[in-house]
Each structure stands twice: as C-alpha cells, then as structure tokens.
Amino acid sequence: MVEIGALDCGSNSTRLLISTVENGTLENLYKEHQVTRLSDSIDKTGRISDDSKKRFFKVLRKYMRKIEEYEVQEVFCIGTAVFRNSKNSDEVIDEVKKRFNLDIKIISGEEEGLLTSLGVQSSFKNLQNYLIVDIGGQSTELITDIENKLDIQSEDIGVVSMSENYFTENPISIDKERNATNYFNDIFHDKDYGHRQLIGVSGTFTSLGSIYLNQKKYDENEIDKVIISYDSVKNIYEDLKTLSVPKIISEYPSLDPKRAVTITSGLFLVINLLKKYKITQLKVSKSDILEGLILKYF
C-alpha cells in the first residue's frame, strides 16, 4: 500500500487528492478543492495573470504541506484548458517547478476525458451506455462509450469563460441569456444521447447536488450518486439567475462563496445540455479526473 497524490490545476479550481492504492483500489485519505480562477481574463489577454498566479501559488503551498504531512511517495500533477490556452503556460510551469519542485503536465482535452472516465468507472461498477459530462472553467468534456470504445468531445466553453463573456453579473438579463443560448447552440449540436445515463462530475455538478439536497455544509459523500431530475435542475437554475451573488451566498450556505460568481453559468450549461440531448435526469459523481489520474499509473 502506497500513498499517492493527484493535483488537478484547472481553469477555475485547483484540487488535491491523497489516496492509498492497493491492488488497483483507492482509499481516499484527503481531498480538497480551492477556487483559484487561473483563467481570469484569459479570453481577453491570452495570459495567466499575476493575481491568478498569486492565488494559485498560495493554494499550492498549502497542498504541498499536506503532501508532506501524509508522507506521499509520488505526486501526479496535471494542467488542463487554462494551460492549453494561455501564452505564458511555460513560464508558470517553470515557476511552479522552481518554487515547489512540482512538475505540471499539460494534458489534452481527449486525455482529460479519458482520465475522467477512469475515475468515474472506478466508482460506478459495470457502467454502460453513459454520457459523462465534465464542466470546467474553460472547457467541457462529453465522454460516451460506443461499441466498447470511448468517444471524447472537448469544447472550449466553461463556467469562467461563460461568466466573463455572457453572465457578467447576476441577476441575468433576458438578452444575455439569449446570446449565451445562441453561443451554446453554435458549439453543441444535436446527437442521439436521450437514451444515455448522464453522469456529471466536478464542481458545477457537485455544487448542484449540494444545493439540491439543501445541505447546510458541503458533504460530497452524501452528494455522490444522487439522482436529480431535469425539472429540479431547471427550478434551481431559474432561481439562481434571479439572484445577486451576495444573495446566492446567503441562500445556499453549502456553496463555496468563490463559486457563487460562476454557479449560474454552470447551471446554464447543465440545463441546456439536458435539453439539447433530451435527457430527463442526471446522476452526480464525486469521483473524477483525480481518481483517474492515480488509477492510470496504479
């Protein structure tokens, strides 16, 4: 049995998982996410900003202390869409190496989907006929199984980019929602997914699960595998889009306050994906790319 660490340096959040691994089975020892918004303003500047780096480095410093505390023997660290899309990725990666002796590997959208699928399937036994959806800060991955092979669609649309370009403030105006819907429909086209089981992973879906369960304090174990109907998602989204960010924070105490500025964008993407593919319910998974990253090597 060995202690392994997995770090996901994403566009909206930076996440850590520390697990023991024995015979291909994970036992999670520690898991944490922090909203670092590495992709703030990247659509305009093309670069990871100094403020974003400061938030990112502060969280990495904390995570490295946890890694040392748990005597982790190996750490796998990945960078996703924000590192794929920014002009100064190499500079940030070099600085992380110098400061923390940590190697960030930039992965493609396809590899992101593959690792996410590994993580989800480790939690859902004999999973078939699925549509796994991972909504990140800058990209969204759709993962399906077709004749025992993975089909991975990765699109440059996520909660941070939607918030900065369309939902710049809450409440959401009718015009901005209409423009966002047109943009969504330009990216996602009709496919026959109505018969598939939609499984949602990462921050938008786990936050949705927490809101749906009316949690006072976030508990991912309670959220895991919860089933949420289309109508329930729609009702939550319709409520969120009428609220200011401070009101969202006060009405939904289990939601990370830093997620309040992007949760409406996230739920917009969820409800439109359900509508587009004529799917009547979804299931939330707490297992995702972090578990998949460890299982790829163990």
C-alpha atoms as a PDB file:
ATOM      1  CA  MET A   1       0.000   0.000   0.000  1.00  0.00           C
ATOM      2  CA  VAL A   2       1.398   3.386  -1.051  1.00  0.00           C
ATOM      3  CA  GLU A   3       0.301   6.988  -0.542  1.00  0.00           C
ATOM      4  CA  ILE A   4      -0.191   8.809  -3.851  1.00  0.00           C
ATOM      5  CA  GLY A   5      -1.101  12.430  -4.526  1.00  0.00           C
ATOM      6  CA  ALA A   6      -3.020  13.818  -7.519  1.00  0.00           C
ATOM      7  CA  LEU A   7      -3.209  17.521  -8.340  1.00  0.00           C
ATOM      8  CA  ASP A   8      -5.607  18.974 -10.897  1.00  0.00           C
ATOM      9  CA  CYS A   9      -4.634  22.533 -11.834  1.00  0.00           C
ATOM     10  CA  GLY A  10      -7.777  23.674 -13.583  1.00  0.00           C
ATOM     11  CA  SER A  11      -9.155  26.858 -15.061  1.00  0.00           C
ATOM     12  CA  ASN A  12     -11.454  27.600 -12.137  1.00  0.00           C
ATOM     13  CA  SER A  13     -10.164  25.479  -9.251  1.00  0.00           C
ATOM     14  CA  THR A  14      -7.050  23.702  -8.027  1.00  0.00           C
ATOM     15  CA  ARG A  15      -7.735  20.344  -6.394  1.00  0.00           C
ATOM     16  CA  LEU A  16      -5.794  17.794  -4.391  1.00  0.00           C
ATOM     17  CA  LEU A  17      -6.468  14.127  -3.698  1.00  0.00           C
ATOM     18  CA  ILE A  18      -4.289  11.942  -1.468  1.00  0.00           C
ATOM     19  CA  SER A  19      -5.089   8.235  -1.571  1.00  0.00           C
ATOM     20  CA  THR A  20      -3.661   4.884  -0.680  1.00  0.00           C
ATOM     21  CA  VAL A  21      -3.602   2.366  -3.510  1.00  0.00           C
ATOM     22  CA  GLU A  22      -3.665  -1.401  -3.124  1.00  0.00           C
ATOM     23  CA  ASN A  23      -4.408  -3.851  -5.947  1.00  0.00           C
ATOM     24  CA  GLY A  24      -5.918  -1.084  -8.061  1.00  0.00           C
ATOM     25  CA  THR A  25      -8.299   0.035  -5.299  1.00  0.00           C
ATOM     26  CA  LEU A  26      -8.243   3.570  -3.897  1.00  0.00           C
ATOM     27  CA  GLU A  27      -8.906   4.648  -0.355  1.00  0.00           C
ATOM     28  CA  ASN A  28      -9.110   8.418  -0.165  1.00  0.00           C
ATOM     29  CA  LEU A  29      -7.264   9.963   2.775  1.00  0.00           C
ATOM     30  CA  TYR A  30      -7.607  13.653   1.979  1.00  0.00           C
ATOM     31  CA  LYS A  31      -9.411  15.685  -0.666  1.00  0.00           C
ATOM     32  CA  GLU A  32      -9.692  19.439  -1.072  1.00  0.00           C
ATOM     33  CA  HIS A  33     -10.599  21.966  -3.725  1.00  0.00           C
ATOM     34  CA  GLN A  34      -9.917  25.683  -3.790  1.00  0.00           C
ATOM     35  CA  VAL A  35     -11.260  28.141  -6.349  1.00  0.00           C
ATOM     36  CA  THR A  36      -8.180  29.838  -7.825  1.00  0.00           C
ATOM     37  CA  ARG A  37      -9.656  31.129 -11.129  1.00  0.00           C
ATOM     38  CA  LEU A  38      -6.424  30.725 -13.040  1.00  0.00           C
ATOM     39  CA  SER A  39      -8.243  31.612 -16.257  1.00  0.00           C
ATOM     40  CA  ASP A  40      -9.468  35.036 -15.093  1.00  0.00           C
ATOM     41  CA  SER A  41      -9.490  37.390 -18.134  1.00  0.00           C
ATOM     42  CA  ILE A  42      -7.596  34.879 -20.268  1.00  0.00           C
ATOM     43  CA  ASP A  43     -10.070  35.304 -23.132  1.00  0.00           C
ATOM     44  CA  LYS A  44      -9.023  38.969 -23.328  1.00  0.00           C
ATOM     45  CA  THR A  45      -5.325  38.800 -22.505  1.00  0.00           C
ATOM     46  CA  GLY A  46      -4.373  35.279 -23.514  1.00  0.00           C
ATOM     47  CA  ARG A  47      -2.260  35.028 -20.363  1.00  0.00           C
ATOM     48  CA  ILE A  48      -2.461  33.740 -16.790  1.00  0.00           C
ATOM     49  CA  SER A  49      -2.453  36.949 -14.753  1.00  0.00           C
ATOM     50  CA  ASP A  50      -0.194  37.812 -11.838  1.00  0.00           C
ATOM     51  CA  ASP A  51      -3.195  37.889  -9.478  1.00  0.00           C
ATOM     52  CA  SER A  52      -4.259  34.429 -10.639  1.00  0.00           C
ATOM     53  CA  LYS A  53      -0.727  33.133 -10.084  1.00  0.00           C
ATOM     54  CA  LYS A  54      -0.689  34.521  -6.540  1.00  0.00           C
ATOM     55  CA  ARG A  55      -3.920  32.699  -5.686  1.00  0.00           C
ATOM     56  CA  PHE A  56      -2.621  29.533  -7.353  1.00  0.00           C
ATOM     57  CA  PHE A  57       0.758  29.577  -5.580  1.00  0.00           C
ATOM     58  CA  LYS A  58      -0.871  30.215  -2.199  1.00  0.00           C
ATOM     59  CA  VAL A  59      -3.023  27.104  -2.615  1.00  0.00           C
ATOM     60  CA  LEU A  60      -0.123  25.011  -3.935  1.00  0.00           C
ATOM     61  CA  ARG A  61       1.921  25.991  -0.880  1.00  0.00           C
ATOM     62  CA  LYS A  62      -0.853  24.681   1.380  1.00  0.00           C
ATOM     63  CA  TYR A  63      -1.229  21.496  -0.663  1.00  0.00           C
ATOM     64  CA  MET A  64       2.492  20.761  -0.578  1.00  0.00           C
ATOM     65  CA  ARG A  65       2.356  20.918   3.229  1.00  0.00           C
ATOM     66  CA  LYS A  66      -0.464  18.357   3.164  1.00  0.00           C
ATOM     67  CA  ILE A  67       1.520  16.152   0.804  1.00  0.00           C
ATOM     68  CA  GLU A  68       4.452  16.266   3.210  1.00  0.00           C
ATOM     69  CA  GLU A  69       2.203  15.652   6.222  1.00  0.00           C
ATOM     70  CA  TYR A  70       0.782  12.478   4.640  1.00  0.00           C
ATOM     71  CA  GLU A  71       4.249  11.298   3.553  1.00  0.00           C
ATOM     72  CA  VAL A  72       3.090  10.974  -0.038  1.00  0.00           C
ATOM     73  CA  GLN A  73       5.535   8.926  -2.099  1.00  0.00           C
ATOM     74  CA  GLU A  74       4.569  10.126  -5.561  1.00  0.00           C
ATOM     75  CA  VAL A  75       2.603  13.092  -6.913  1.00  0.00           C
ATOM     76  CA  PHE A  76       0.935  13.346 -10.311  1.00  0.00           C
ATOM     77  CA  CYS A  77       0.069  16.875 -11.389  1.00  0.00           C
ATOM     78  CA  ILE A  78      -1.858  17.958 -14.485  1.00  0.00           C
ATOM     79  CA  GLY A  79      -2.823  21.256 -16.105  1.00  0.00           C
ATOM     80  CA  THR A  80      -5.960  21.437 -18.220  1.00  0.00           C
ATOM     81  CA  ALA A  81      -7.586  24.019 -20.526  1.00  0.00           C
ATOM     82  CA  VAL A  82      -6.094  27.129 -18.900  1.00  0.00           C
ATOM     83  CA  PHE A  83      -2.598  25.774 -19.538  1.00  0.00           C
ATOM     84  CA  ARG A  84      -3.526  24.646 -23.034  1.00  0.00           C
ATOM     85  CA  ASN A  85      -4.867  28.079 -23.932  1.00  0.00           C
ATOM     86  CA  SER A  86      -2.552  30.594 -22.246  1.00  0.00           C
ATOM     87  CA  LYS A  87       0.519  32.118 -23.894  1.00  0.00           C
ATOM     88  CA  ASN A  88       2.581  32.066 -20.698  1.00  0.00           C
ATOM     89  CA  SER A  89       1.922  28.474 -19.605  1.00  0.00           C
ATOM     90  CA  ASP A  90       5.589  27.525 -19.869  1.00  0.00           C
ATOM     91  CA  GLU A  91       6.605  30.438 -17.640  1.00  0.00           C
ATOM     92  CA  VAL A  92       4.072  29.453 -14.958  1.00  0.00           C
ATOM     93  CA  ILE A  93       5.090  25.790 -15.147  1.00  0.00           C
ATOM     94  CA  ASP A  94       8.771  26.746 -14.762  1.00  0.00           C
ATOM     95  CA  GLU A  95       7.959  28.923 -11.758  1.00  0.00           C
ATOM     96  CA  VAL A  96       5.959  26.103 -10.130  1.00  0.00           C
ATOM     97  CA  LYS A  97       8.916  23.774 -10.657  1.00  0.00           C
ATOM     98  CA  LYS A  98      11.331  26.243  -9.017  1.00  0.00           C
ATOM     99  CA  ARG A  99       9.062  27.113  -6.091  1.00  0.00           C
ATOM    100  CA  PHE A 100       7.556  23.713  -5.283  1.00  0.00           C
ATOM    101  CA  ASN A 101       9.650  21.138  -7.162  1.00  0.00           C
ATOM    102  CA  LEU A 102       6.404  20.107  -8.835  1.00  0.00           C
ATOM    103  CA  ASP A 103       6.032  19.123 -12.480  1.00  0.00           C
ATOM    104  CA  ILE A 104       2.786  20.162 -14.176  1.00  0.00           C
ATOM    105  CA  LYS A 105       1.948  18.063 -17.212  1.00  0.00           C
ATOM    106  CA  ILE A 106      -0.375  19.768 -19.702  1.00  0.00           C
ATOM    107  CA  ILE A 107      -2.933  17.267 -20.951  1.00  0.00           C
ATOM    108  CA  SER A 108      -5.190  17.421 -24.000  1.00  0.00           C
ATOM    109  CA  GLY A 109      -8.968  17.567 -23.842  1.00  0.00           C
ATOM    110  CA  GLU A 110      -9.059  13.959 -25.020  1.00  0.00           C
ATOM    111  CA  GLU A 111      -6.739  12.803 -22.216  1.00  0.00           C
ATOM    112  CA  GLU A 112      -8.796  14.837 -19.756  1.00  0.00           C
ATOM    113  CA  GLY A 113     -11.852  12.875 -20.859  1.00  0.00           C
ATOM    114  CA  LEU A 114     -10.024   9.546 -20.625  1.00  0.00           C
ATOM    115  CA  LEU A 115      -8.806  10.188 -17.066  1.00  0.00           C
ATOM    116  CA  THR A 116     -12.262  11.395 -16.006  1.00  0.00           C
ATOM    117  CA  SER A 117     -13.810   8.226 -17.407  1.00  0.00           C
ATOM    118  CA  LEU A 118     -11.317   6.090 -15.455  1.00  0.00           C
ATOM    119  CA  GLY A 119     -12.203   7.889 -12.246  1.00  0.00           C
ATOM    120  CA  VAL A 120     -15.957   7.616 -12.724  1.00  0.00           C
ATOM    121  CA  GLN A 121     -15.845   3.957 -13.711  1.00  0.00           C
ATOM    122  CA  SER A 122     -13.865   3.138 -10.571  1.00  0.00           C
ATOM    123  CA  SER A 123     -16.884   4.273  -8.573  1.00  0.00           C
ATOM    124  CA  PHE A 124     -19.726   3.023 -10.805  1.00  0.00           C
ATOM    125  CA  LYS A 125     -19.446  -0.723 -11.333  1.00  0.00           C
ATOM    126  CA  ASN A 126     -20.309  -2.142 -14.775  1.00  0.00           C
ATOM    127  CA  LEU A 127     -21.120   1.314 -16.118  1.00  0.00           C
ATOM    128  CA  GLN A 128     -22.512   1.230 -19.645  1.00  0.00           C
ATOM    129  CA  ASN A 129     -24.465   3.429 -22.036  1.00  0.00           C
ATOM    130  CA  TYR A 130     -23.334   6.627 -20.332  1.00  0.00           C
ATOM    131  CA  LEU A 131     -22.676  10.269 -21.092  1.00  0.00           C
ATOM    132  CA  ILE A 132     -20.118  11.644 -18.624  1.00  0.00           C
ATOM    133  CA  VAL A 133     -20.039  15.442 -18.545  1.00  0.00           C
ATOM    134  CA  ASP A 134     -17.187  17.431 -17.007  1.00  0.00           C
ATOM    135  CA  ILE A 135     -17.799  21.184 -16.980  1.00  0.00           C
ATOM    136  CA  GLY A 136     -14.637  23.101 -16.145  1.00  0.00           C
ATOM    137  CA  GLY A 137     -13.650  26.741 -16.148  1.00  0.00           C
ATOM    138  CA  GLN A 138     -12.543  26.908 -19.779  1.00  0.00           C
ATOM    139  CA  SER A 139     -13.613  23.602 -21.316  1.00  0.00           C
ATOM    140  CA  THR A 140     -16.356  20.995 -21.225  1.00  0.00           C
ATOM    141  CA  GLU A 141     -15.799  17.317 -21.954  1.00  0.00           C
ATOM    142  CA  LEU A 142     -18.512  14.909 -23.113  1.00  0.00           C
ATOM    143  CA  ILE A 143     -17.482  11.249 -22.797  1.00  0.00           C
ATOM    144  CA  THR A 144     -19.503   8.343 -24.184  1.00  0.00           C
ATOM    145  CA  ASP A 145     -18.973   4.629 -24.686  1.00  0.00           C
ATOM    146  CA  ILE A 146     -19.609   3.438 -28.235  1.00  0.00           C
ATOM    147  CA  GLU A 147     -19.050  -0.260 -29.004  1.00  0.00           C
ATOM    148  CA  ASN A 148     -16.673  -0.582 -26.016  1.00  0.00           C
ATOM    149  CA  LYS A 149     -14.615   2.421 -27.131  1.00  0.00           C
ATOM    150  CA  LEU A 150     -14.509   5.900 -25.666  1.00  0.00           C
ATOM    151  CA  ASP A 151     -15.708   8.866 -27.708  1.00  0.00           C
ATOM    152  CA  ILE A 152     -14.479  12.142 -26.214  1.00  0.00           C
ATOM    153  CA  GLN A 153     -15.693  15.582 -27.268  1.00  0.00           C
ATOM    154  CA  SER A 154     -13.833  18.518 -25.717  1.00  0.00           C
ATOM    155  CA  GLU A 155     -15.101  22.058 -26.329  1.00  0.00           C
ATOM    156  CA  ASP A 156     -13.641  25.407 -25.271  1.00  0.00           C
ATOM    157  CA  ILE A 157     -16.614  26.505 -23.202  1.00  0.00           C
ATOM    158  CA  GLY A 158     -16.732  26.603 -19.412  1.00  0.00           C
ATOM    159  CA  VAL A 159     -18.055  28.441 -16.379  1.00  0.00           C
ATOM    160  CA  VAL A 160     -15.362  31.126 -16.242  1.00  0.00           C
ATOM    161  CA  SER A 161     -15.493  31.931 -19.956  1.00  0.00           C
ATOM    162  CA  MET A 162     -19.319  31.994 -19.879  1.00  0.00           C
ATOM    163  CA  SER A 163     -19.311  34.248 -16.811  1.00  0.00           C
ATOM    164  CA  GLU A 164     -16.836  36.704 -18.326  1.00  0.00           C
ATOM    165  CA  ASN A 165     -18.397  36.841 -21.779  1.00  0.00           C
ATOM    166  CA  TYR A 166     -22.130  36.460 -21.140  1.00  0.00           C
ATOM    167  CA  PHE A 167     -23.161  36.317 -17.490  1.00  0.00           C
ATOM    168  CA  THR A 168     -21.108  39.251 -16.268  1.00  0.00           C
ATOM    169  CA  GLU A 169     -23.484  39.953 -13.406  1.00  0.00           C
ATOM    170  CA  ASN A 170     -26.389  38.425 -11.531  1.00  0.00           C
ATOM    171  CA  PRO A 171     -29.371  38.652 -11.944  1.00  0.00           C
ATOM    172  CA  ILE A 172     -29.159  37.535 -15.587  1.00  0.00           C
ATOM    173  CA  SER A 173     -30.931  39.616 -18.220  1.00  0.00           C
ATOM    174  CA  ILE A 174     -33.103  38.028 -20.923  1.00  0.00           C
ATOM    175  CA  ASP A 175     -30.854  39.416 -23.666  1.00  0.00           C
ATOM    176  CA  LYS A 176     -27.679  37.978 -22.137  1.00  0.00           C
ATOM    177  CA  GLU A 177     -29.317  34.605 -21.640  1.00  0.00           C
ATOM    178  CA  ARG A 178     -30.495  34.620 -25.262  1.00  0.00           C
ATOM    179  CA  ASN A 179     -26.990  35.468 -26.519  1.00  0.00           C
ATOM    180  CA  ALA A 180     -25.488  32.742 -24.329  1.00  0.00           C
ATOM    181  CA  THR A 181     -28.005  30.222 -25.685  1.00  0.00           C
ATOM    182  CA  ASN A 182     -27.085  31.117 -29.271  1.00  0.00           C
ATOM    183  CA  TYR A 183     -23.409  30.643 -28.436  1.00  0.00           C
ATOM    184  CA  PHE A 184     -24.124  27.303 -26.751  1.00  0.00           C
ATOM    185  CA  ASN A 185     -26.054  26.072 -29.795  1.00  0.00           C
ATOM    186  CA  ASP A 186     -23.194  27.051 -32.096  1.00  0.00           C
ATOM    187  CA  ILE A 187     -20.899  24.708 -30.148  1.00  0.00           C
ATOM    188  CA  PHE A 188     -23.108  21.756 -29.218  1.00  0.00           C
ATOM    189  CA  HIS A 189     -25.070  20.050 -31.974  1.00  0.00           C
ATOM    190  CA  ASP A 190     -27.897  17.528 -31.811  1.00  0.00           C
ATOM    191  CA  LYS A 191     -26.844  13.950 -31.041  1.00  0.00           C
ATOM    192  CA  ASP A 192     -28.711  10.839 -30.000  1.00  0.00           C
ATOM    193  CA  TYR A 193     -27.935  10.889 -26.270  1.00  0.00           C
ATOM    194  CA  GLY A 194     -31.504  10.705 -24.964  1.00  0.00           C
ATOM    195  CA  HIS A 195     -31.198   7.024 -24.008  1.00  0.00           C
ATOM    196  CA  ARG A 196     -27.922   7.519 -22.135  1.00  0.00           C
ATOM    197  CA  GLN A 197     -27.306   7.941 -18.402  1.00  0.00           C
ATOM    198  CA  LEU A 198     -25.808  11.376 -17.803  1.00  0.00           C
ATOM    199  CA  ILE A 199     -23.195  11.418 -15.053  1.00  0.00           C
ATOM    200  CA  GLY A 200     -21.906  14.835 -14.016  1.00  0.00           C
ATOM    201  CA  VAL A 201     -18.509  15.332 -12.403  1.00  0.00           C
ATOM    202  CA  SER A 202     -16.524  18.154 -10.750  1.00  0.00           C
ATOM    203  CA  GLY A 203     -17.503  21.492  -9.224  1.00  0.00           C
ATOM    204  CA  THR A 204     -20.643  22.517 -11.082  1.00  0.00           C
ATOM    205  CA  PHE A 205     -22.336  19.154 -10.602  1.00  0.00           C
ATOM    206  CA  THR A 206     -21.250  18.583  -7.006  1.00  0.00           C
ATOM    207  CA  SER A 207     -22.407  22.126  -6.161  1.00  0.00           C
ATOM    208  CA  LEU A 208     -25.722  21.375  -7.881  1.00  0.00           C
ATOM    209  CA  GLY A 209     -26.024  18.201  -5.818  1.00  0.00           C
ATOM    210  CA  SER A 210     -25.363  20.095  -2.601  1.00  0.00           C
ATOM    211  CA  ILE A 211     -27.964  22.738  -3.467  1.00  0.00           C
ATOM    212  CA  TYR A 212     -30.484  20.067  -4.464  1.00  0.00           C
ATOM    213  CA  LEU A 213     -30.031  18.256  -1.128  1.00  0.00           C
ATOM    214  CA  ASN A 214     -30.364  21.565   0.722  1.00  0.00           C
ATOM    215  CA  GLN A 215     -27.116  20.934   2.569  1.00  0.00           C
ATOM    216  CA  LYS A 216     -26.073  23.407   5.233  1.00  0.00           C
ATOM    217  CA  LYS A 217     -22.477  22.197   4.975  1.00  0.00           C
ATOM    218  CA  TYR A 218     -20.959  20.666   1.861  1.00  0.00           C
ATOM    219  CA  ASP A 219     -20.686  16.851   2.093  1.00  0.00           C
ATOM    220  CA  GLU A 220     -19.515  15.094  -1.078  1.00  0.00           C
ATOM    221  CA  ASN A 221     -20.257  11.610   0.287  1.00  0.00           C
ATOM    222  CA  GLU A 222     -23.935  12.491   0.606  1.00  0.00           C
ATOM    223  CA  ILE A 223     -23.895  14.030  -2.879  1.00  0.00           C
ATOM    224  CA  ASP A 224     -22.273  11.029  -4.564  1.00  0.00           C
ATOM    225  CA  LYS A 225     -24.661   9.189  -6.924  1.00  0.00           C
ATOM    226  CA  VAL A 226     -27.626  11.414  -6.081  1.00  0.00           C
ATOM    227  CA  ILE A 227     -30.162  11.500  -8.937  1.00  0.00           C
ATOM    228  CA  ILE A 228     -31.549  14.909  -9.976  1.00  0.00           C
ATOM    229  CA  SER A 229     -34.403  15.370 -12.446  1.00  0.00           C
ATOM    230  CA  TYR A 230     -34.432  17.844 -15.315  1.00  0.00           C
ATOM    231  CA  ASP A 231     -37.261  19.756 -13.617  1.00  0.00           C
ATOM    232  CA  SER A 232     -35.266  20.077 -10.388  1.00  0.00           C
ATOM    233  CA  VAL A 233     -32.207  21.399 -12.261  1.00  0.00           C
ATOM    234  CA  LYS A 234     -34.417  23.861 -14.129  1.00  0.00           C
ATOM    235  CA  ASN A 235     -36.040  25.119 -10.925  1.00  0.00           C
ATOM    236  CA  ILE A 236     -32.654  25.677  -9.264  1.00  0.00           C
ATOM    237  CA  TYR A 237     -31.278  27.455 -12.353  1.00  0.00           C
ATOM    238  CA  GLU A 238     -34.384  29.659 -12.668  1.00  0.00           C
ATOM    239  CA  ASP A 239     -33.927  30.691  -9.025  1.00  0.00           C
ATOM    240  CA  LEU A 240     -30.173  31.338  -9.315  1.00  0.00           C
ATOM    241  CA  LYS A 241     -30.468  33.553 -12.381  1.00  0.00           C
ATOM    242  CA  THR A 242     -32.751  35.972 -10.493  1.00  0.00           C
ATOM    243  CA  LEU A 243     -30.392  36.377  -7.512  1.00  0.00           C
ATOM    244  CA  SER A 244     -27.428  38.651  -6.905  1.00  0.00           C
ATOM    245  CA  VAL A 245     -24.130  36.981  -5.978  1.00  0.00           C
ATOM    246  CA  PRO A 246     -24.412  38.001  -2.274  1.00  0.00           C
ATOM    247  CA  LYS A 247     -27.955  36.575  -2.232  1.00  0.00           C
ATOM    248  CA  ILE A 248     -26.733  33.289  -3.724  1.00  0.00           C
ATOM    249  CA  ILE A 249     -24.101  33.059  -0.990  1.00  0.00           C
ATOM    250  CA  SER A 250     -26.633  33.708   1.770  1.00  0.00           C
ATOM    251  CA  GLU A 251     -29.351  31.396   0.403  1.00  0.00           C
ATOM    252  CA  TYR A 252     -27.049  28.456  -0.324  1.00  0.00           C
ATOM    253  CA  PRO A 253     -24.694  28.109   2.680  1.00  0.00           C
ATOM    254  CA  SER A 254     -23.064  24.871   1.461  1.00  0.00           C
ATOM    255  CA  LEU A 255     -21.847  26.547  -1.737  1.00  0.00           C
ATOM    256  CA  ASP A 256     -18.240  27.728  -1.768  1.00  0.00           C
ATOM    257  CA  PRO A 257     -18.678  31.548  -1.843  1.00  0.00           C
ATOM    258  CA  LYS A 258     -15.992  31.769  -4.544  1.00  0.00           C
ATOM    259  CA  ARG A 259     -18.179  29.594  -6.763  1.00  0.00           C
ATOM    260  CA  ALA A 260     -21.139  31.950  -6.465  1.00  0.00           C
ATOM    261  CA  VAL A 261     -19.951  34.062  -9.421  1.00  0.00           C
ATOM    262  CA  THR A 262     -19.858  31.052 -11.771  1.00  0.00           C
ATOM    263  CA  ILE A 263     -22.604  28.739 -10.499  1.00  0.00           C
ATOM    264  CA  THR A 264     -25.302  30.342 -12.675  1.00  0.00           C
ATOM    265  CA  SER A 265     -23.133  29.847 -15.765  1.00  0.00           C
ATOM    266  CA  GLY A 266     -22.538  26.245 -14.719  1.00  0.00           C
ATOM    267  CA  LEU A 267     -26.231  25.511 -14.260  1.00  0.00           C
ATOM    268  CA  PHE A 268     -26.965  27.249 -17.586  1.00  0.00           C
ATOM    269  CA  LEU A 269     -24.657  24.745 -19.286  1.00  0.00           C
ATOM    270  CA  VAL A 270     -26.180  21.791 -17.398  1.00  0.00           C
ATOM    271  CA  ILE A 271     -29.795  22.645 -18.203  1.00  0.00           C
ATOM    272  CA  ASN A 272     -29.013  23.333 -21.852  1.00  0.00           C
ATOM    273  CA  LEU A 273     -27.109  20.052 -22.229  1.00  0.00           C
ATOM    274  CA  LEU A 274     -30.059  18.159 -20.732  1.00  0.00           C
ATOM    275  CA  LYS A 275     -32.446  19.989 -23.036  1.00  0.00           C
ATOM    276  CA  LYS A 276     -30.256  19.582 -26.128  1.00  0.00           C
ATOM    277  CA  TYR A 277     -29.894  15.828 -25.669  1.00  0.00           C
ATOM    278  CA  LYS A 278     -33.425  15.199 -24.345  1.00  0.00           C
ATOM    279  CA  ILE A 279     -32.147  13.711 -21.077  1.00  0.00           C
ATOM    280  CA  THR A 280     -34.629  13.715 -18.199  1.00  0.00           C
ATOM    281  CA  GLN A 281     -32.275  13.260 -15.225  1.00  0.00           C
ATOM    282  CA  LEU A 282     -28.638  13.164 -14.186  1.00  0.00           C
ATOM    283  CA  LYS A 283     -26.524  11.448 -11.579  1.00  0.00           C
ATOM    284  CA  VAL A 284     -23.686  13.178  -9.691  1.00  0.00           C
ATOM    285  CA  SER A 285     -20.291  11.522  -9.207  1.00  0.00           C
ATOM    286  CA  LYS A 286     -17.747  12.576  -6.599  1.00  0.00           C
ATOM    287  CA  SER A 287     -15.088  10.529  -8.428  1.00  0.00           C
ATOM    288  CA  ASP A 288     -13.474  12.203 -11.410  1.00  0.00           C
ATOM    289  CA  ILE A 289     -10.153  13.046 -13.040  1.00  0.00           C
ATOM    290  CA  LEU A 290      -8.225  12.944  -9.722  1.00  0.00           C
ATOM    291  CA  GLU A 291      -9.079   9.297  -9.106  1.00  0.00           C
ATOM    292  CA  GLY A 292      -8.472   8.559 -12.792  1.00  0.00           C
ATOM    293  CA  LEU A 293      -5.036  10.169 -12.679  1.00  0.00           C
ATOM    294  CA  ILE A 294      -3.933   7.841  -9.874  1.00  0.00           C
ATOM    295  CA  LEU A 295      -5.525   4.749 -11.391  1.00  0.00           C
ATOM    296  CA  LYS A 296      -3.806   5.349 -14.715  1.00  0.00           C
ATOM    297  CA  TYR A 297      -0.458   4.600 -13.070  1.00  0.00           C
ATOM    298  CA  PHE A 298      -1.547   2.151 -10.350  1.00  0.00           C
END
